[in-house]
Amino acid sequence: LGFCTMALGATDKATEFFEKGLTMPTMFMWLMRPRLLCGLALVALSQNRLEEAQQKVAEARAFAEERAMQNIYPLVSMTDAQVVAHAGDLEASLGHYHRAEELAHQMGMRPWLWQAQAAQAKTLAALGREEAAEAKRRAALAGIDEMAALFQDAELRVLFVESAMKKVV
């Protein structure tokens, strides 16, 4: 819910959802901890609280790595990329996106794979590396097409493609 409300621009409500997830005793609170910490890092970034964002993503990474929560590694790398980009280090950001892409590819996590490729394309373009950016853009588009082909419902397929394209272009 935190990520959804954040996408709608309701950062205060998103913070509330992420904090509740971290503090309300449930059977999922430890399983979701790194994801919730990444959410809080992104909220902090949206409010220009860079140190807090760095601390939250570092905490998410440490928790996930201590418990070998490999399925969370791409999310943590993607969040880390956004944090270091916000700090102005696009080269480091590119490295984190590349790591997210590698991890997603190894685990067959198609959504993270194309998103990491799309983010790399934007970062490469910002660095003036248009040829490399275009190659990543094409890879992301191919991933989107591959996933779209799996949809049985044509209306949902269109909605998916429209939403995904916003992240690529």
C-alpha atoms as a PDB file:
ATOM      1  CA  LEU A   1       0.000   0.000   0.000  1.00  0.00           C
ATOM      2  CA  GLY A   2       2.878   2.360   0.741  1.00  0.00           C
ATOM      3  CA  PHE A   3       4.247   2.111  -2.789  1.00  0.00           C
ATOM      4  CA  CYS A   4       0.769   2.652  -4.289  1.00  0.00           C
ATOM      5  CA  THR A   5       0.030   5.723  -2.191  1.00  0.00           C
ATOM      6  CA  MET A   6       3.497   7.089  -2.907  1.00  0.00           C
ATOM      7  CA  ALA A   7       2.842   6.694  -6.653  1.00  0.00           C
ATOM      8  CA  LEU A   8      -0.282   8.781  -6.141  1.00  0.00           C
ATOM      9  CA  GLY A   9       1.789  11.476  -4.414  1.00  0.00           C
ATOM     10  CA  ALA A  10       0.509  10.850  -0.888  1.00  0.00           C
ATOM     11  CA  THR A  11       3.905  10.582   0.791  1.00  0.00           C
ATOM     12  CA  ASP A  12       2.580  11.145   4.316  1.00  0.00           C
ATOM     13  CA  LYS A  13       0.145   8.252   3.943  1.00  0.00           C
ATOM     14  CA  ALA A  14       2.875   6.140   2.320  1.00  0.00           C
ATOM     15  CA  THR A  15       5.163   6.807   5.285  1.00  0.00           C
ATOM     16  CA  GLU A  16       2.366   5.749   7.610  1.00  0.00           C
ATOM     17  CA  PHE A  17       1.884   2.462   5.728  1.00  0.00           C
ATOM     18  CA  PHE A  18       5.624   1.706   5.621  1.00  0.00           C
ATOM     19  CA  GLU A  19       6.041   2.514   9.341  1.00  0.00           C
ATOM     20  CA  LYS A  20       3.041   0.368  10.280  1.00  0.00           C
ATOM     21  CA  GLY A  21       4.513  -2.501   8.292  1.00  0.00           C
ATOM     22  CA  LEU A  22       7.733  -2.207  10.263  1.00  0.00           C
ATOM     23  CA  THR A  23       6.152  -1.871  13.707  1.00  0.00           C
ATOM     24  CA  MET A  24       2.849  -3.763  13.713  1.00  0.00           C
ATOM     25  CA  PRO A  25       3.494  -7.351  14.763  1.00  0.00           C
ATOM     26  CA  THR A  26       2.430  -9.596  11.906  1.00  0.00           C
ATOM     27  CA  MET A  27       3.758 -12.817  10.475  1.00  0.00           C
ATOM     28  CA  PHE A  28       5.054 -10.851   7.453  1.00  0.00           C
ATOM     29  CA  MET A  29       6.792  -7.956   9.194  1.00  0.00           C
ATOM     30  CA  TRP A  30      10.254  -9.546   9.003  1.00  0.00           C
ATOM     31  CA  LEU A  31       9.762 -10.913   5.516  1.00  0.00           C
ATOM     32  CA  MET A  32       8.730  -7.478   4.231  1.00  0.00           C
ATOM     33  CA  ARG A  33      11.234  -5.452   6.279  1.00  0.00           C
ATOM     34  CA  PRO A  34      13.737  -4.723   3.463  1.00  0.00           C
ATOM     35  CA  ARG A  35      10.938  -3.777   1.063  1.00  0.00           C
ATOM     36  CA  LEU A  36       9.402  -1.445   3.653  1.00  0.00           C
ATOM     37  CA  LEU A  37      12.786   0.136   4.377  1.00  0.00           C
ATOM     38  CA  CYS A  38      13.287   0.728   0.646  1.00  0.00           C
ATOM     39  CA  GLY A  39       9.891   2.395   0.574  1.00  0.00           C
ATOM     40  CA  LEU A  40      10.890   4.695   3.416  1.00  0.00           C
ATOM     41  CA  ALA A  41      14.145   5.483   1.590  1.00  0.00           C
ATOM     42  CA  LEU A  42      12.173   6.538  -1.485  1.00  0.00           C
ATOM     43  CA  VAL A  43       9.837   8.681   0.613  1.00  0.00           C
ATOM     44  CA  ALA A  44      12.867  10.345   2.216  1.00  0.00           C
ATOM     45  CA  LEU A  45      14.314  10.992  -1.247  1.00  0.00           C
ATOM     46  CA  SER A  46      11.064  12.572  -2.406  1.00  0.00           C
ATOM     47  CA  GLN A  47      11.396  14.960   0.543  1.00  0.00           C
ATOM     48  CA  ASN A  48      15.113  15.660  -0.057  1.00  0.00           C
ATOM     49  CA  ARG A  49      16.248  13.872   3.096  1.00  0.00           C
ATOM     50  CA  LEU A  50      19.277  12.224   1.525  1.00  0.00           C
ATOM     51  CA  GLU A  51      20.996  11.026   4.720  1.00  0.00           C
ATOM     52  CA  GLU A  52      17.826   9.308   5.904  1.00  0.00           C
ATOM     53  CA  ALA A  53      17.382   7.684   2.487  1.00  0.00           C
ATOM     54  CA  GLN A  54      20.978   6.430   2.570  1.00  0.00           C
ATOM     55  CA  GLN A  55      20.487   5.032   6.074  1.00  0.00           C
ATOM     56  CA  LYS A  56      17.218   3.250   5.160  1.00  0.00           C
ATOM     57  CA  VAL A  57      18.601   1.620   2.011  1.00  0.00           C
ATOM     58  CA  ALA A  58      21.752   0.556   3.895  1.00  0.00           C
ATOM     59  CA  GLU A  59      19.563  -0.994   6.585  1.00  0.00           C
ATOM     60  CA  ALA A  60      17.476  -2.771   3.927  1.00  0.00           C
ATOM     61  CA  ARG A  61      20.611  -4.121   2.227  1.00  0.00           C
ATOM     62  CA  ALA A  62      22.134  -5.333   5.510  1.00  0.00           C
ATOM     63  CA  PHE A  63      18.916  -7.056   6.599  1.00  0.00           C
ATOM     64  CA  ALA A  64      18.414  -8.758   3.228  1.00  0.00           C
ATOM     65  CA  GLU A  65      22.040  -9.859   2.909  1.00  0.00           C
ATOM     66  CA  GLU A  66      22.258 -11.178   6.489  1.00  0.00           C
ATOM     67  CA  ARG A  67      19.316 -13.444   5.693  1.00  0.00           C
ATOM     68  CA  ALA A  68      20.229 -14.190   2.052  1.00  0.00           C
ATOM     69  CA  MET A  69      16.898 -12.751   0.856  1.00  0.00           C
ATOM     70  CA  GLN A  70      18.025 -12.872  -2.757  1.00  0.00           C
ATOM     71  CA  ASN A  71      14.589 -12.047  -4.158  1.00  0.00           C
ATOM     72  CA  ILE A  72      14.911  -8.609  -2.524  1.00  0.00           C
ATOM     73  CA  TYR A  73      18.384  -7.798  -3.890  1.00  0.00           C
ATOM     74  CA  PRO A  74      17.144  -6.229  -7.166  1.00  0.00           C
ATOM     75  CA  LEU A  75      14.781  -3.898  -5.278  1.00  0.00           C
ATOM     76  CA  VAL A  76      17.544  -2.859  -2.899  1.00  0.00           C
ATOM     77  CA  SER A  77      19.947  -2.229  -5.794  1.00  0.00           C
ATOM     78  CA  MET A  78      17.325  -0.206  -7.659  1.00  0.00           C
ATOM     79  CA  THR A  79      16.609   1.862  -4.549  1.00  0.00           C
ATOM     80  CA  ASP A  80      20.317   2.342  -3.908  1.00  0.00           C
ATOM     81  CA  ALA A  81      20.707   3.538  -7.500  1.00  0.00           C
ATOM     82  CA  GLN A  82      18.062   6.193  -6.978  1.00  0.00           C
ATOM     83  CA  VAL A  83      19.639   7.326  -3.719  1.00  0.00           C
ATOM     84  CA  VAL A  84      23.138   7.740  -5.167  1.00  0.00           C
ATOM     85  CA  ALA A  85      21.710   9.431  -8.279  1.00  0.00           C
ATOM     86  CA  HIS A  86      19.947  11.905  -6.006  1.00  0.00           C
ATOM     87  CA  ALA A  87      23.339  12.545  -4.399  1.00  0.00           C
ATOM     88  CA  GLY A  88      24.689  13.335  -7.871  1.00  0.00           C
ATOM     89  CA  ASP A  89      26.753  10.214  -8.549  1.00  0.00           C
ATOM     90  CA  LEU A  90      25.339   8.915 -11.829  1.00  0.00           C
ATOM     91  CA  GLU A  91      28.229   6.491 -12.394  1.00  0.00           C
ATOM     92  CA  ALA A  92      27.559   4.768  -9.063  1.00  0.00           C
ATOM     93  CA  SER A  93      23.851   4.822  -9.841  1.00  0.00           C
ATOM     94  CA  LEU A  94      24.545   3.112 -13.153  1.00  0.00           C
ATOM     95  CA  GLY A  95      26.521   0.426 -11.312  1.00  0.00           C
ATOM     96  CA  HIS A  96      23.614  -0.268  -8.967  1.00  0.00           C
ATOM     97  CA  TYR A  97      21.178  -0.478 -11.869  1.00  0.00           C
ATOM     98  CA  HIS A  98      23.533  -2.859 -13.664  1.00  0.00           C
ATOM     99  CA  ARG A  99      23.728  -5.015 -10.527  1.00  0.00           C
ATOM    100  CA  ALA A 100      19.921  -5.056 -10.296  1.00  0.00           C
ATOM    101  CA  GLU A 101      19.759  -6.141 -13.930  1.00  0.00           C
ATOM    102  CA  GLU A 102      22.252  -8.970 -13.356  1.00  0.00           C
ATOM    103  CA  LEU A 103      20.446 -10.206 -10.272  1.00  0.00           C
ATOM    104  CA  ALA A 104      17.040 -10.043 -11.929  1.00  0.00           C
ATOM    105  CA  HIS A 105      18.373 -11.894 -14.962  1.00  0.00           C
ATOM    106  CA  GLN A 106      19.913 -14.651 -12.792  1.00  0.00           C
ATOM    107  CA  MET A 107      16.630 -15.183 -10.966  1.00  0.00           C
ATOM    108  CA  GLY A 108      14.337 -14.787 -13.972  1.00  0.00           C
ATOM    109  CA  MET A 109      12.630 -11.760 -12.443  1.00  0.00           C
ATOM    110  CA  ARG A 110      11.327 -10.178 -15.643  1.00  0.00           C
ATOM    111  CA  PRO A 111       9.655  -7.107 -14.092  1.00  0.00           C
ATOM    112  CA  TRP A 112      12.843  -6.066 -12.296  1.00  0.00           C
ATOM    113  CA  LEU A 113      14.926  -6.891 -15.358  1.00  0.00           C
ATOM    114  CA  TRP A 114      13.202  -4.526 -17.781  1.00  0.00           C
ATOM    115  CA  GLN A 115      12.862  -1.827 -15.110  1.00  0.00           C
ATOM    116  CA  ALA A 116      16.607  -1.980 -14.397  1.00  0.00           C
ATOM    117  CA  GLN A 117      17.322  -1.783 -18.127  1.00  0.00           C
ATOM    118  CA  ALA A 118      14.989   1.202 -18.544  1.00  0.00           C
ATOM    119  CA  ALA A 119      16.604   2.984 -15.605  1.00  0.00           C
ATOM    120  CA  GLN A 120      20.047   2.299 -17.030  1.00  0.00           C
ATOM    121  CA  ALA A 121      18.932   3.742 -20.372  1.00  0.00           C
ATOM    122  CA  LYS A 122      17.868   6.990 -18.708  1.00  0.00           C
ATOM    123  CA  THR A 123      21.074   7.182 -16.681  1.00  0.00           C
ATOM    124  CA  LEU A 124      23.254   6.447 -19.701  1.00  0.00           C
ATOM    125  CA  ALA A 125      21.415   9.144 -21.662  1.00  0.00           C
ATOM    126  CA  ALA A 126      21.995  11.613 -18.820  1.00  0.00           C
ATOM    127  CA  LEU A 127      25.699  10.728 -19.003  1.00  0.00           C
ATOM    128  CA  GLY A 128      25.676  11.404 -22.750  1.00  0.00           C
ATOM    129  CA  ARG A 129      26.149   7.764 -23.768  1.00  0.00           C
ATOM    130  CA  GLU A 130      23.323   7.636 -26.283  1.00  0.00           C
ATOM    131  CA  GLU A 131      24.387   4.478 -28.110  1.00  0.00           C
ATOM    132  CA  ALA A 132      24.541   2.446 -24.890  1.00  0.00           C
ATOM    133  CA  ALA A 133      21.313   4.085 -23.707  1.00  0.00           C
ATOM    134  CA  GLU A 134      19.527   3.040 -26.884  1.00  0.00           C
ATOM    135  CA  ALA A 135      20.729  -0.560 -26.477  1.00  0.00           C
ATOM    136  CA  LYS A 136      19.339  -0.691 -22.914  1.00  0.00           C
ATOM    137  CA  ARG A 137      16.114   0.951 -24.071  1.00  0.00           C
ATOM    138  CA  ARG A 138      15.674  -1.719 -26.754  1.00  0.00           C
ATOM    139  CA  ALA A 139      16.358  -4.460 -24.194  1.00  0.00           C
ATOM    140  CA  ALA A 140      13.755  -2.995 -21.829  1.00  0.00           C
ATOM    141  CA  LEU A 141      11.196  -2.753 -24.643  1.00  0.00           C
ATOM    142  CA  ALA A 142      11.863  -6.369 -25.623  1.00  0.00           C
ATOM    143  CA  GLY A 143      11.258  -7.404 -22.006  1.00  0.00           C
ATOM    144  CA  ILE A 144       8.010  -5.463 -21.908  1.00  0.00           C
ATOM    145  CA  ASP A 145       6.881  -7.093 -25.155  1.00  0.00           C
ATOM    146  CA  GLU A 146       7.793 -10.522 -23.806  1.00  0.00           C
ATOM    147  CA  MET A 147       5.760  -9.955 -20.657  1.00  0.00           C
ATOM    148  CA  ALA A 148       2.854  -8.381 -22.533  1.00  0.00           C
ATOM    149  CA  ALA A 149       2.579 -11.492 -24.688  1.00  0.00           C
ATOM    150  CA  LEU A 150       1.799 -13.497 -21.536  1.00  0.00           C
ATOM    151  CA  PHE A 151      -1.386 -11.533 -20.796  1.00  0.00           C
ATOM    152  CA  GLN A 152      -4.574 -13.374 -21.727  1.00  0.00           C
ATOM    153  CA  ASP A 153      -6.768 -10.316 -21.249  1.00  0.00           C
ATOM    154  CA  ALA A 154      -6.200  -7.763 -24.034  1.00  0.00           C
ATOM    155  CA  GLU A 155      -7.381  -4.849 -21.894  1.00  0.00           C
ATOM    156  CA  LEU A 156      -4.930  -5.708 -19.101  1.00  0.00           C
ATOM    157  CA  ARG A 157      -2.179  -6.153 -21.689  1.00  0.00           C
ATOM    158  CA  VAL A 158      -2.775  -2.635 -22.998  1.00  0.00           C
ATOM    159  CA  LEU A 159      -2.788  -1.179 -19.486  1.00  0.00           C
ATOM    160  CA  PHE A 160       0.471  -2.971 -18.661  1.00  0.00           C
ATOM    161  CA  VAL A 161       2.202  -1.765 -21.820  1.00  0.00           C
ATOM    162  CA  GLU A 162       0.997   1.828 -21.342  1.00  0.00           C
ATOM    163  CA  SER A 163       2.223   1.859 -17.754  1.00  0.00           C
ATOM    164  CA  ALA A 164       5.562   0.224 -18.581  1.00  0.00           C
ATOM    165  CA  MET A 165       6.227   2.554 -21.503  1.00  0.00           C
ATOM    166  CA  LYS A 166       6.090   5.541 -19.152  1.00  0.00           C
ATOM    167  CA  LYS A 167       9.173   4.143 -17.401  1.00  0.00           C
ATOM    168  CA  VAL A 168      11.089   3.598 -20.628  1.00  0.00           C
ATOM    169  CA  VAL A 169      10.490   6.813 -22.510  1.00  0.00           C
END
